[in-house]
Amino acid sequence: MKKISSLLSTVVMTAFVAWFSDSLPAHATLIIGNTEGNNVILFDQSNGQFLGELIPSGTGGLLSPDDLNFGPDGNLYITSGTTPETSAVLRYDGKTGEFLDRFASGHGLFRPYGAAFGPDGYLYVSSFLSDQILRFDAITGAFVDVFASGNGQPGGLNGPNDLLFGPDGSLYVTTQGSVATNGEPDFSAGLPSQVLRFDLETQQSTVFVEQPTPSPDSFGFVSFLGLTTGPNNDLFVSDFANDIRRYDFDTGELVATLSTNYTGTIPANNFIGNLVISPDNTLYTVGFDFTNNNFGAILRYNSVTGDPLPTPGNEGAIFVDTTSQMQRPIGVLFTSQQFPVSVPEPTAGVGLVALGISGIISSRQRQH
């Protein structure tokens, strides 16, 4: 009876997804940033088909792309770089992917992870390896000021990751719980990974979400990463170490937890990147298998019910199974437009990577 019930549930859910997919434009697309491929690629939102490269490797200086955003001008803004010299927000044509300019850089920006356009006409960028949030003019890219800085204390801006403006106009920030020391993240103080909320006028922060209990599928740590707004006044937060947690925007209370362990081992052989919710309320996230060359996959869920939405032939929440086209993906973005793309040559595999437990724990530094 359980097998029959499970089969029936899968059939109903598949039909549900198909109905929603039909309501979206036929060319709706998922944009994925490859941090190890230094490129940006596309997948069909309806069936998971690989569509090709939008931005070829290294175009415009693209290096370890992390956060992807469409700006108020319709262009694509990508956080990029691993050193003070290479760190920047790069701007690309929002319809063709053509490189436009190095939009924002300098002024202490060091390993930008998150970016968000604010209601005040500024672009906010998290500078991970200086524990700061910098502000730039959203039209010109000119530097404005340092909006916030870390203090090395619990509740501080310690290892800032993603940025999001909530329905209350506040700025929400995920922190990894590290302190930038000589260009490296330092975990020795044992600081928590949290979601902070900043008031734009006072620039003061409060802890919106305390560090939760680590996922049972993790290596015993929490590393909050991505943020996105859900359909029912809720906040979805991805944990690099595994799981997506859903919080009430009014109270900060945990509503639900979605498992992201798609490799099926305990602890999981996969880590998790950013997340996005499409207009049909489908939640997408990306992950990568660190035992398989950091090749990535795309997971899919119903953001209202939390149910996993696998494609036919896959299990759990797997929408696109592990593929060499995704090389340590972190950034993911949804768009309803169509792009001219080129299909790159397949990436040759180099075999499985053996990792010890000490190596996994050090992976709390989610990027290099």
Protein backbone atom coordinates (compact mmCIF):
# COMPACT_ATOMS: atom_id res chain seq x y z
CA MET A 1 0.00 0.00 0.00
CA LYS A 2 2.87 2.40 0.78
CA LYS A 3 4.40 1.80 -2.66
CA ILE A 4 1.05 2.39 -4.36
CA SER A 5 0.50 5.55 -2.34
CA SER A 6 3.99 6.79 -3.17
CA LEU A 7 3.47 6.06 -6.87
CA LEU A 8 0.13 7.85 -6.87
CA SER A 9 1.66 10.84 -5.11
CA THR A 10 4.44 11.00 -7.70
CA VAL A 11 1.98 10.83 -10.59
CA VAL A 12 -0.19 13.58 -9.11
CA MET A 13 2.84 15.78 -8.39
CA THR A 14 4.22 15.28 -11.90
CA ALA A 15 0.89 16.32 -13.38
CA PHE A 16 0.82 19.31 -11.05
CA VAL A 17 4.26 20.46 -12.22
CA ALA A 18 3.35 19.90 -15.88
CA TRP A 19 0.22 22.05 -15.47
CA PHE A 20 2.24 24.87 -13.89
CA SER A 21 4.98 24.59 -16.50
CA ASP A 22 2.40 25.06 -19.25
CA SER A 23 1.42 28.38 -17.66
CA LEU A 24 4.97 29.73 -18.07
CA PRO A 25 6.54 30.95 -21.31
CA ALA A 26 7.93 28.06 -23.36
CA HIS A 27 11.42 29.53 -23.17
CA ALA A 28 11.59 30.10 -19.39
CA THR A 29 15.18 29.51 -18.37
CA LEU A 30 17.37 28.81 -15.35
CA ILE A 31 20.67 30.71 -15.37
CA ILE A 32 23.48 28.92 -13.53
CA GLY A 33 26.87 30.31 -12.47
CA ASN A 34 29.79 27.84 -12.47
CA THR A 35 32.38 28.87 -9.88
CA GLU A 36 34.93 26.37 -11.23
CA GLY A 37 34.05 26.80 -14.90
CA ASN A 38 34.14 30.61 -14.66
CA ASN A 39 31.14 30.70 -16.99
CA VAL A 40 27.36 31.05 -16.97
CA ILE A 41 25.11 28.39 -18.51
CA LEU A 42 21.41 27.85 -19.19
CA PHE A 43 18.87 25.07 -18.61
CA ASP A 44 15.29 24.82 -19.84
CA GLN A 45 12.92 25.43 -16.93
CA SER A 46 10.28 23.00 -18.19
CA ASN A 47 12.34 19.86 -18.76
CA GLY A 48 15.88 20.51 -17.49
CA GLN A 49 17.47 20.36 -20.95
CA PHE A 50 20.91 21.95 -21.19
CA LEU A 51 20.66 24.96 -23.50
CA GLY A 52 24.29 26.03 -23.70
CA GLU A 53 26.56 28.84 -22.53
CA LEU A 54 25.29 32.35 -21.99
CA ILE A 55 28.66 33.76 -20.89
CA PRO A 56 31.79 31.83 -21.96
CA SER A 57 34.55 31.18 -19.45
CA GLY A 58 36.44 34.28 -18.33
CA THR A 59 34.46 36.76 -20.45
CA GLY A 60 35.00 40.27 -19.07
CA GLY A 61 37.26 38.86 -16.37
CA LEU A 62 34.58 36.51 -15.01
CA LEU A 63 36.19 34.52 -12.19
CA SER A 64 34.38 32.28 -9.71
CA PRO A 65 30.95 33.85 -10.42
CA ASP A 66 28.79 33.72 -7.34
CA ASP A 67 25.61 35.81 -7.19
CA LEU A 68 23.44 36.57 -10.24
CA ASN A 69 20.94 39.45 -10.38
CA PHE A 70 18.96 41.35 -12.98
CA GLY A 71 19.34 45.07 -12.37
CA PRO A 72 16.72 47.83 -12.75
CA ASP A 73 18.10 48.41 -16.27
CA GLY A 74 17.34 44.81 -17.26
CA ASN A 75 21.01 43.84 -17.45
CA LEU A 76 22.68 40.94 -15.68
CA TYR A 77 24.97 41.71 -12.73
CA ILE A 78 27.37 39.03 -11.46
CA THR A 79 29.65 39.09 -8.42
CA SER A 80 33.10 37.87 -9.46
CA GLY A 81 36.69 37.60 -8.31
CA THR A 82 38.84 36.04 -5.59
CA THR A 83 41.39 38.79 -4.80
CA PRO A 84 41.07 42.54 -4.20
CA GLU A 85 42.35 43.11 -7.74
CA THR A 86 39.89 40.75 -9.45
CA SER A 87 36.86 41.36 -7.19
CA ALA A 88 34.04 43.22 -8.92
CA VAL A 89 30.41 43.29 -9.91
CA LEU A 90 30.44 42.68 -13.66
CA ARG A 91 27.60 43.80 -15.93
CA TYR A 92 26.40 41.87 -18.98
CA ASP A 93 23.67 42.58 -21.51
CA GLY A 94 20.46 41.12 -20.08
CA LYS A 95 19.31 39.83 -23.47
CA THR A 96 22.50 38.62 -25.15
CA GLY A 97 24.98 37.98 -22.30
CA GLU A 98 27.49 40.31 -23.98
CA PHE A 99 29.99 41.86 -21.56
CA LEU A 100 29.25 45.53 -20.90
CA ASP A 101 31.56 46.74 -18.16
CA ARG A 102 33.20 46.28 -14.79
CA PHE A 103 30.34 48.01 -13.00
CA ALA A 104 31.55 48.22 -9.40
CA SER A 105 34.89 47.39 -7.80
CA GLY A 106 37.63 48.57 -5.46
CA HIS A 107 37.28 50.36 -2.10
CA GLY A 108 38.10 47.22 -0.16
CA LEU A 109 35.81 44.86 -2.09
CA PHE A 110 37.30 41.40 -1.55
CA ARG A 111 35.56 38.22 -2.68
CA PRO A 112 32.02 39.52 -3.30
CA TYR A 113 29.42 36.87 -2.54
CA GLY A 114 26.02 38.58 -2.50
CA ALA A 115 24.51 41.63 -4.19
CA ALA A 116 21.10 43.28 -4.10
CA PHE A 117 19.59 46.45 -5.53
CA GLY A 118 17.98 48.49 -2.76
CA PRO A 119 14.88 50.68 -2.76
CA ASP A 120 17.15 53.67 -2.05
CA GLY A 121 18.95 53.60 -5.41
CA TYR A 122 22.04 51.79 -4.17
CA LEU A 123 23.60 48.45 -5.05
CA TYR A 124 24.58 46.59 -1.88
CA VAL A 125 27.46 44.10 -2.14
CA SER A 126 28.74 41.75 0.54
CA SER A 127 32.53 41.67 0.73
CA PHE A 128 33.19 38.27 2.25
CA LEU A 129 36.92 38.56 2.91
CA SER A 130 36.70 42.00 4.50
CA ASP A 131 33.51 41.30 6.50
CA GLN A 132 31.75 44.33 5.04
CA ILE A 133 28.75 45.40 3.02
CA LEU A 134 29.62 48.11 0.50
CA ARG A 135 27.23 50.46 -1.27
CA PHE A 136 27.54 51.62 -4.88
CA ASP A 137 25.34 53.90 -6.96
CA ALA A 138 22.87 51.62 -8.77
CA ILE A 139 23.05 53.68 -11.97
CA THR A 140 26.71 54.68 -12.25
CA GLY A 141 28.44 52.06 -10.11
CA ALA A 142 30.28 54.78 -8.20
CA PHE A 143 31.32 53.87 -4.66
CA VAL A 144 29.11 55.39 -1.96
CA ASP A 145 30.21 54.04 1.42
CA VAL A 146 30.74 51.09 3.72
CA PHE A 147 27.25 50.28 4.94
CA ALA A 148 28.24 47.73 7.59
CA SER A 149 31.33 46.02 9.01
CA GLY A 150 31.95 42.89 11.08
CA ASN A 151 33.04 43.00 14.71
CA GLY A 152 34.14 39.44 15.39
CA GLN A 153 31.32 38.98 17.91
CA PRO A 154 28.19 36.80 17.84
CA GLY A 155 25.46 38.65 15.98
CA GLY A 156 27.98 40.56 13.88
CA LEU A 157 28.63 40.66 10.16
CA ASN A 158 30.99 37.70 10.22
CA GLY A 159 31.52 36.15 6.79
CA PRO A 160 28.63 37.84 4.91
CA ASN A 161 27.09 35.81 2.11
CA ASP A 162 23.83 36.56 0.30
CA LEU A 163 21.76 39.76 0.48
CA LEU A 164 18.00 40.22 0.10
CA PHE A 165 15.56 43.09 0.61
CA GLY A 166 12.52 41.79 2.44
CA PRO A 167 8.89 42.91 2.19
CA ASP A 168 9.48 45.20 5.19
CA GLY A 169 12.21 47.09 3.30
CA SER A 170 14.95 45.75 5.57
CA LEU A 171 18.17 44.22 4.27
CA TYR A 172 18.61 40.53 5.17
CA VAL A 173 22.09 38.99 5.18
CA THR A 174 23.34 35.45 5.70
CA THR A 175 26.59 35.09 7.62
CA GLN A 176 28.96 32.12 7.59
CA GLY A 177 30.32 32.72 11.11
CA SER A 178 33.91 33.39 10.11
CA VAL A 179 36.24 36.35 10.60
CA ALA A 180 38.37 37.57 7.70
CA THR A 181 42.02 37.31 8.70
CA ASN A 182 44.79 38.07 6.20
CA GLY A 183 42.50 37.27 3.31
CA GLU A 184 41.26 33.98 4.75
CA PRO A 185 38.14 33.02 6.75
CA ASP A 186 38.96 32.18 10.36
CA PHE A 187 36.56 29.92 12.31
CA SER A 188 38.59 29.70 15.51
CA ALA A 189 36.23 31.97 17.48
CA GLY A 190 33.34 29.54 16.97
CA LEU A 191 30.96 32.26 15.80
CA PRO A 192 27.45 31.24 14.67
CA SER A 193 26.06 31.28 11.15
CA GLN A 194 23.00 33.57 11.25
CA VAL A 195 20.56 35.66 9.25
CA LEU A 196 20.87 39.35 10.15
CA ARG A 197 18.35 42.10 9.48
CA PHE A 198 19.58 45.67 8.83
CA ASP A 199 17.54 48.85 9.11
CA LEU A 200 18.51 51.04 6.13
CA GLU A 201 18.10 54.33 7.97
CA THR A 202 19.99 53.52 11.15
CA GLN A 203 22.30 50.91 9.57
CA GLN A 204 21.86 48.90 12.75
CA SER A 205 21.39 45.13 12.67
CA THR A 206 19.55 42.55 14.71
CA VAL A 207 19.70 38.76 14.55
CA PHE A 208 16.65 37.59 12.60
CA VAL A 209 17.51 33.87 12.60
CA GLU A 210 19.88 32.27 15.09
CA GLN A 211 22.07 29.37 14.01
CA PRO A 212 19.89 26.25 13.90
CA THR A 213 20.81 22.69 14.76
CA PRO A 214 22.99 21.34 11.93
CA SER A 215 21.30 19.18 9.34
CA PRO A 216 21.44 15.46 10.21
CA ASP A 217 22.90 15.00 6.73
CA SER A 218 25.74 17.50 7.30
CA PHE A 219 29.24 17.23 8.74
CA GLY A 220 28.03 18.92 11.90
CA PHE A 221 28.17 22.58 10.92
CA VAL A 222 25.83 25.25 9.51
CA SER A 223 26.79 27.72 6.78
CA PHE A 224 23.84 29.86 5.72
CA LEU A 225 24.11 30.91 2.09
CA GLY A 226 21.20 31.81 -0.21
CA LEU A 227 18.07 33.87 0.45
CA THR A 228 14.80 34.18 -1.45
CA THR A 229 11.27 35.35 -0.69
CA GLY A 230 8.49 32.74 -0.68
CA PRO A 231 4.83 33.08 -1.71
CA ASN A 232 3.36 33.09 1.81
CA ASN A 233 5.28 35.87 3.57
CA ASP A 234 8.17 33.49 4.21
CA LEU A 235 11.92 33.49 3.84
CA PHE A 236 13.78 30.54 2.33
CA VAL A 237 17.42 30.11 3.37
CA SER A 238 19.82 27.58 1.89
CA ASP A 239 22.53 26.00 4.01
CA PHE A 240 25.77 25.19 2.18
CA ALA A 241 26.18 22.25 4.59
CA ASN A 242 22.72 20.90 3.54
CA ASP A 243 19.00 21.62 3.84
CA ILE A 244 16.78 24.57 2.94
CA ARG A 245 14.97 26.17 5.86
CA ARG A 246 11.77 28.17 5.61
CA TYR A 247 11.08 30.97 8.12
CA ASP A 248 8.11 33.22 8.83
CA PHE A 249 9.00 36.79 7.79
CA ASP A 250 7.00 38.29 10.66
CA THR A 251 8.32 36.20 13.53
CA GLY A 252 11.51 34.58 12.28
CA GLU A 253 10.13 31.22 13.40
CA LEU A 254 11.14 28.06 11.53
CA VAL A 255 8.22 26.79 9.44
CA ALA A 256 9.72 23.85 7.55
CA THR A 257 12.97 22.17 6.53
CA LEU A 258 13.56 20.72 3.07
CA SER A 259 16.18 18.00 2.65
CA THR A 260 18.80 18.64 -0.04
CA ASN A 261 20.79 15.42 0.35
CA TYR A 262 20.47 14.22 -3.23
CA THR A 263 23.56 11.97 -3.18
CA GLY A 264 21.95 9.76 -0.55
CA THR A 265 24.89 9.30 1.83
CA ILE A 266 25.16 10.18 5.52
CA PRO A 267 26.85 12.64 5.73
CA ALA A 268 25.85 13.88 2.29
CA ASN A 269 28.40 13.90 -0.52
CA ASN A 270 26.94 17.16 -1.78
CA PHE A 271 26.97 20.81 -0.76
CA ILE A 272 24.27 23.37 -1.67
CA GLY A 273 24.37 26.76 -3.40
CA ASN A 274 21.87 29.59 -3.84
CA LEU A 275 18.14 29.27 -4.55
CA VAL A 276 15.37 30.96 -6.52
CA ILE A 277 11.57 30.73 -6.76
CA SER A 278 9.91 31.04 -10.18
CA PRO A 279 6.54 32.78 -10.80
CA ASP A 280 4.74 29.41 -10.61
CA ASN A 281 6.05 29.00 -7.03
CA THR A 282 8.60 26.34 -7.92
CA LEU A 283 11.75 26.46 -5.80
CA TYR A 284 15.09 25.65 -7.47
CA THR A 285 18.49 25.21 -5.90
CA VAL A 286 21.85 23.98 -7.15
CA GLY A 287 24.33 21.67 -5.52
CA PHE A 288 27.53 19.82 -6.32
CA ASP A 289 28.99 16.40 -5.50
CA PHE A 290 32.44 16.86 -3.94
CA THR A 291 33.25 13.16 -4.52
CA ASN A 292 32.59 13.54 -8.27
CA ASN A 293 34.77 16.41 -9.50
CA ASN A 294 32.38 18.99 -7.96
CA PHE A 295 29.95 18.31 -10.81
CA GLY A 296 26.55 19.88 -10.13
CA ALA A 297 22.85 19.14 -10.10
CA ILE A 298 19.61 21.15 -9.90
CA LEU A 299 16.94 20.35 -7.31
CA ARG A 300 13.27 21.36 -7.52
CA TYR A 301 10.48 21.71 -4.93
CA ASN A 302 6.96 23.05 -4.59
CA SER A 303 7.62 26.17 -2.50
CA VAL A 304 4.10 26.14 -1.05
CA THR A 305 3.97 22.53 0.15
CA GLY A 306 7.69 21.76 0.28
CA ASP A 307 7.21 18.61 -1.79
CA PRO A 308 10.17 17.54 -3.96
CA LEU A 309 9.50 17.68 -7.72
CA PRO A 310 11.82 15.29 -9.54
CA THR A 311 11.81 14.88 -13.30
CA PRO A 312 10.74 11.45 -14.64
CA GLY A 313 13.42 8.85 -13.95
CA ASN A 314 14.91 10.77 -11.04
CA GLU A 315 14.31 10.49 -7.30
CA GLY A 316 13.91 12.91 -4.43
CA ALA A 317 14.08 16.51 -5.66
CA ILE A 318 16.44 15.96 -8.59
CA PHE A 319 15.41 18.11 -11.54
CA VAL A 320 18.73 17.87 -13.41
CA ASP A 321 20.95 15.00 -12.32
CA THR A 322 24.70 15.38 -11.80
CA THR A 323 26.34 16.63 -14.99
CA SER A 324 29.79 17.87 -16.00
CA GLN A 325 28.14 20.96 -17.51
CA MET A 326 27.79 22.27 -13.96
CA GLN A 327 31.15 22.78 -12.26
CA ARG A 328 30.70 23.73 -8.60
CA PRO A 329 27.57 25.80 -9.28
CA ILE A 330 26.53 28.38 -6.67
CA GLY A 331 24.45 31.07 -8.41
CA VAL A 332 20.99 30.37 -9.86
CA LEU A 333 18.50 32.78 -11.41
CA PHE A 334 15.14 32.42 -13.19
CA THR A 335 14.11 34.34 -16.29
CA SER A 336 11.21 34.11 -18.73
CA GLN A 337 13.24 35.32 -21.69
CA GLN A 338 15.14 33.48 -24.39
CA PHE A 339 18.86 33.87 -25.07
CA PRO A 340 21.14 33.23 -28.02
CA VAL A 341 23.56 30.62 -26.71
CA SER A 342 26.39 28.39 -27.80
CA VAL A 343 26.80 24.80 -26.68
CA PRO A 344 30.36 24.20 -25.38
CA GLU A 345 32.27 20.97 -25.79
CA PRO A 346 31.55 18.37 -23.06
CA THR A 347 33.90 18.51 -20.09
CA ALA A 348 35.99 15.39 -19.65
CA GLY A 349 35.78 13.79 -16.22
CA VAL A 350 38.98 13.28 -14.26
CA GLY A 351 37.79 10.57 -11.91
CA LEU A 352 36.52 10.59 -8.34
CA VAL A 353 38.13 12.80 -5.73
CA ALA A 354 38.98 11.18 -2.42
CA LEU A 355 38.30 13.49 0.50
CA GLY A 356 39.07 12.99 4.19
CA ILE A 357 36.89 14.24 7.02
CA SER A 358 39.35 17.05 7.79
CA GLY A 359 39.07 18.22 4.19
CA ILE A 360 35.29 18.25 4.41
CA ILE A 361 35.26 20.31 7.59
CA SER A 362 37.60 22.85 5.99
CA SER A 363 35.02 23.20 3.21
CA ARG A 364 33.08 25.52 5.49
CA GLN A 365 34.90 28.06 3.38
CA ARG A 366 32.45 27.52 0.57
CA GLN A 367 34.53 29.25 -2.07
CA HIS A 368 38.18 29.53 -2.87
